[in-house]
Amino acid sequence: MNSMDYEVLLYKDEKGVFIAECVDLPGCISDGKTKQEAITNIREAILAYLESIKKETNELHSKAEIIKITI
């Protein structure tokens, strides 16, 4: 698999748990007791998410183009 960058929103919730949400993959969220644990867990969640998509579509659209649209 080719290396890709994903934006992750990292914050502490009201209970003091670190939450990591992958901005690029809706619903891909993980957590951890520490920042590093949350980052490790979101990496695993992203890989599982992508594997799930790959199984469903049998191919990731690696040649897809990202464009900006002004509204």
N, C-alpha and C. Protein backbone atom coordinates (compact mmCIF):
# COMPACT_ATOMS: atom_id res chain seq x y z
N MET A 1 0.84 -1.18 0.00
CA MET A 1 0.00 0.00 0.00
C MET A 1 0.88 1.24 0.00
N ASN A 2 0.53 2.19 -0.81
CA ASN A 2 1.28 3.45 -0.86
C ASN A 2 1.05 4.26 0.40
N SER A 3 2.03 5.03 0.77
CA SER A 3 1.93 5.90 1.93
C SER A 3 1.06 7.11 1.61
N MET A 4 0.16 7.45 2.53
CA MET A 4 -0.71 8.62 2.36
C MET A 4 -0.78 9.37 3.68
N ASP A 5 -1.05 10.66 3.61
CA ASP A 5 -1.22 11.48 4.80
C ASP A 5 -2.71 11.66 5.08
N TYR A 6 -3.07 11.62 6.35
CA TYR A 6 -4.44 11.84 6.77
C TYR A 6 -4.45 12.88 7.89
N GLU A 7 -5.41 13.79 7.85
CA GLU A 7 -5.55 14.77 8.91
C GLU A 7 -6.33 14.15 10.06
N VAL A 8 -5.80 14.32 11.28
CA VAL A 8 -6.44 13.76 12.46
C VAL A 8 -6.68 14.88 13.47
N LEU A 9 -7.92 14.99 13.93
CA LEU A 9 -8.28 15.93 14.97
C LEU A 9 -8.03 15.24 16.31
N LEU A 10 -7.17 15.81 17.13
CA LEU A 10 -6.79 15.20 18.40
C LEU A 10 -7.16 16.15 19.54
N TYR A 11 -7.96 15.65 20.48
CA TYR A 11 -8.38 16.49 21.60
C TYR A 11 -8.67 15.62 22.83
N LYS A 12 -8.74 16.28 23.97
CA LYS A 12 -9.04 15.61 25.23
C LYS A 12 -10.51 15.82 25.55
N ASP A 13 -11.23 14.74 25.87
CA ASP A 13 -12.64 14.90 26.21
C ASP A 13 -12.81 15.27 27.68
N GLU A 14 -14.06 15.40 28.10
CA GLU A 14 -14.34 15.84 29.47
C GLU A 14 -13.88 14.86 30.54
N LYS A 15 -13.63 13.61 30.15
CA LYS A 15 -13.15 12.60 31.10
C LYS A 15 -11.63 12.48 31.10
N GLY A 16 -10.97 13.29 30.26
CA GLY A 16 -9.52 13.27 30.20
C GLY A 16 -8.94 12.25 29.22
N VAL A 17 -9.80 11.64 28.42
CA VAL A 17 -9.37 10.66 27.42
C VAL A 17 -9.04 11.41 26.13
N PHE A 18 -7.95 11.04 25.47
CA PHE A 18 -7.60 11.65 24.20
C PHE A 18 -8.41 10.99 23.08
N ILE A 19 -9.06 11.82 22.29
CA ILE A 19 -9.88 11.36 21.16
C ILE A 19 -9.15 11.73 19.88
N ALA A 20 -9.11 10.80 18.94
CA ALA A 20 -8.49 11.02 17.64
C ALA A 20 -9.52 10.71 16.56
N GLU A 21 -9.84 11.72 15.75
CA GLU A 21 -10.81 11.56 14.66
C GLU A 21 -10.13 11.83 13.34
N CYS A 22 -10.21 10.89 12.41
CA CYS A 22 -9.64 11.10 11.09
C CYS A 22 -10.61 11.95 10.28
N VAL A 23 -10.20 13.17 9.98
CA VAL A 23 -11.03 14.14 9.27
C VAL A 23 -11.40 13.62 7.88
N ASP A 24 -10.50 12.90 7.26
CA ASP A 24 -10.68 12.45 5.88
C ASP A 24 -11.57 11.21 5.75
N LEU A 25 -11.80 10.50 6.86
CA LEU A 25 -12.55 9.25 6.81
C LEU A 25 -13.70 9.32 7.82
N PRO A 26 -14.90 9.68 7.37
CA PRO A 26 -16.04 9.85 8.28
C PRO A 26 -16.28 8.62 9.15
N GLY A 27 -16.41 8.86 10.45
CA GLY A 27 -16.67 7.78 11.38
C GLY A 27 -15.45 7.04 11.87
N CYS A 28 -14.28 7.41 11.38
CA CYS A 28 -13.04 6.75 11.79
C CYS A 28 -12.50 7.49 13.02
N ILE A 29 -12.79 6.94 14.20
CA ILE A 29 -12.47 7.58 15.47
C ILE A 29 -11.84 6.55 16.40
N SER A 30 -10.90 7.00 17.21
CA SER A 30 -10.29 6.14 18.22
C SER A 30 -9.97 6.99 19.44
N ASP A 31 -9.40 6.36 20.46
CA ASP A 31 -9.05 7.10 21.67
C ASP A 31 -7.86 6.46 22.35
N GLY A 32 -7.43 7.07 23.43
CA GLY A 32 -6.32 6.54 24.21
C GLY A 32 -6.15 7.32 25.50
N LYS A 33 -5.47 6.71 26.45
CA LYS A 33 -5.20 7.37 27.73
C LYS A 33 -4.17 8.49 27.57
N THR A 34 -3.30 8.36 26.55
CA THR A 34 -2.29 9.37 26.27
C THR A 34 -2.41 9.78 24.80
N LYS A 35 -1.76 10.91 24.44
CA LYS A 35 -1.75 11.33 23.03
C LYS A 35 -1.17 10.23 22.15
N GLN A 36 -0.03 9.68 22.59
CA GLN A 36 0.65 8.67 21.78
C GLN A 36 -0.22 7.43 21.60
N GLU A 37 -0.91 7.01 22.65
CA GLU A 37 -1.80 5.85 22.54
C GLU A 37 -2.94 6.15 21.57
N ALA A 38 -3.50 7.35 21.64
CA ALA A 38 -4.58 7.72 20.71
C ALA A 38 -4.08 7.74 19.27
N ILE A 39 -2.86 8.23 19.06
CA ILE A 39 -2.28 8.26 17.71
C ILE A 39 -2.03 6.85 17.20
N THR A 40 -1.48 6.00 18.05
CA THR A 40 -1.26 4.59 17.67
C THR A 40 -2.59 3.93 17.32
N ASN A 41 -3.61 4.18 18.13
CA ASN A 41 -4.91 3.56 17.91
C ASN A 41 -5.59 4.08 16.65
N ILE A 42 -5.45 5.38 16.34
CA ILE A 42 -6.08 5.91 15.13
C ILE A 42 -5.37 5.39 13.88
N ARG A 43 -4.07 5.16 13.97
CA ARG A 43 -3.35 4.54 12.84
C ARG A 43 -3.96 3.17 12.53
N GLU A 44 -4.17 2.38 13.58
CA GLU A 44 -4.77 1.05 13.41
C GLU A 44 -6.19 1.16 12.87
N ALA A 45 -6.94 2.15 13.37
CA ALA A 45 -8.32 2.34 12.91
C ALA A 45 -8.36 2.75 11.44
N ILE A 46 -7.44 3.62 11.04
CA ILE A 46 -7.37 4.04 9.63
C ILE A 46 -7.06 2.85 8.74
N LEU A 47 -6.09 2.04 9.14
CA LEU A 47 -5.75 0.86 8.34
C LEU A 47 -6.93 -0.10 8.23
N ALA A 48 -7.66 -0.31 9.33
CA ALA A 48 -8.83 -1.18 9.31
C ALA A 48 -9.93 -0.59 8.43
N TYR A 49 -10.12 0.72 8.50
CA TYR A 49 -11.12 1.42 7.69
C TYR A 49 -10.81 1.23 6.21
N LEU A 50 -9.54 1.47 5.84
CA LEU A 50 -9.14 1.35 4.44
C LEU A 50 -9.26 -0.09 3.95
N GLU A 51 -8.92 -1.04 4.80
CA GLU A 51 -9.04 -2.46 4.43
C GLU A 51 -10.51 -2.81 4.20
N SER A 52 -11.39 -2.26 5.01
CA SER A 52 -12.82 -2.49 4.85
C SER A 52 -13.31 -1.94 3.52
N ILE A 53 -12.87 -0.72 3.18
CA ILE A 53 -13.25 -0.12 1.89
C ILE A 53 -12.71 -0.98 0.75
N LYS A 54 -11.47 -1.42 0.89
CA LYS A 54 -10.84 -2.23 -0.16
C LYS A 54 -11.63 -3.51 -0.39
N LYS A 55 -12.06 -4.13 0.68
CA LYS A 55 -12.84 -5.36 0.54
C LYS A 55 -14.18 -5.08 -0.12
N GLU A 56 -14.80 -3.96 0.24
CA GLU A 56 -16.11 -3.63 -0.33
C GLU A 56 -16.02 -3.26 -1.80
N THR A 57 -15.03 -2.53 -2.17
CA THR A 57 -14.92 -2.07 -3.56
C THR A 57 -13.93 -2.88 -4.38
N ASN A 58 -13.13 -3.69 -3.67
CA ASN A 58 -12.10 -4.54 -4.27
C ASN A 58 -10.97 -3.73 -4.89
N GLU A 59 -10.98 -2.42 -4.64
CA GLU A 59 -9.89 -1.57 -5.15
C GLU A 59 -10.05 -0.17 -4.59
N LEU A 60 -8.95 0.42 -4.14
CA LEU A 60 -8.97 1.82 -3.72
C LEU A 60 -8.70 2.68 -4.95
N HIS A 61 -9.35 3.78 -5.02
CA HIS A 61 -9.21 4.67 -6.18
C HIS A 61 -7.98 5.55 -6.02
N SER A 62 -6.82 4.95 -6.20
CA SER A 62 -5.56 5.67 -5.99
C SER A 62 -5.30 6.74 -7.05
N LYS A 63 -6.01 6.66 -8.15
CA LYS A 63 -5.82 7.66 -9.21
C LYS A 63 -6.90 8.74 -9.17
N ALA A 64 -7.66 8.77 -8.07
CA ALA A 64 -8.70 9.79 -7.94
C ALA A 64 -8.07 11.16 -7.83
N GLU A 65 -8.79 12.15 -8.26
CA GLU A 65 -8.30 13.52 -8.25
C GLU A 65 -9.08 14.32 -7.22
N ILE A 66 -8.39 15.12 -6.43
CA ILE A 66 -9.04 16.02 -5.48
C ILE A 66 -9.03 17.41 -6.08
N ILE A 67 -10.20 18.01 -6.15
CA ILE A 67 -10.32 19.35 -6.71
C ILE A 67 -11.00 20.27 -5.69
N LYS A 68 -10.81 21.56 -5.85
CA LYS A 68 -11.49 22.54 -5.00
C LYS A 68 -12.57 23.21 -5.83
N ILE A 69 -13.72 23.42 -5.20
CA ILE A 69 -14.85 24.07 -5.86
C ILE A 69 -15.24 25.28 -5.02
N THR A 70 -15.37 26.42 -5.64
CA THR A 70 -15.78 27.63 -4.94
C THR A 70 -17.28 27.80 -5.09
N ILE A 71 -17.94 28.05 -3.97
CA ILE A 71 -19.41 28.22 -3.99
C ILE A 71 -19.73 29.61 -3.49
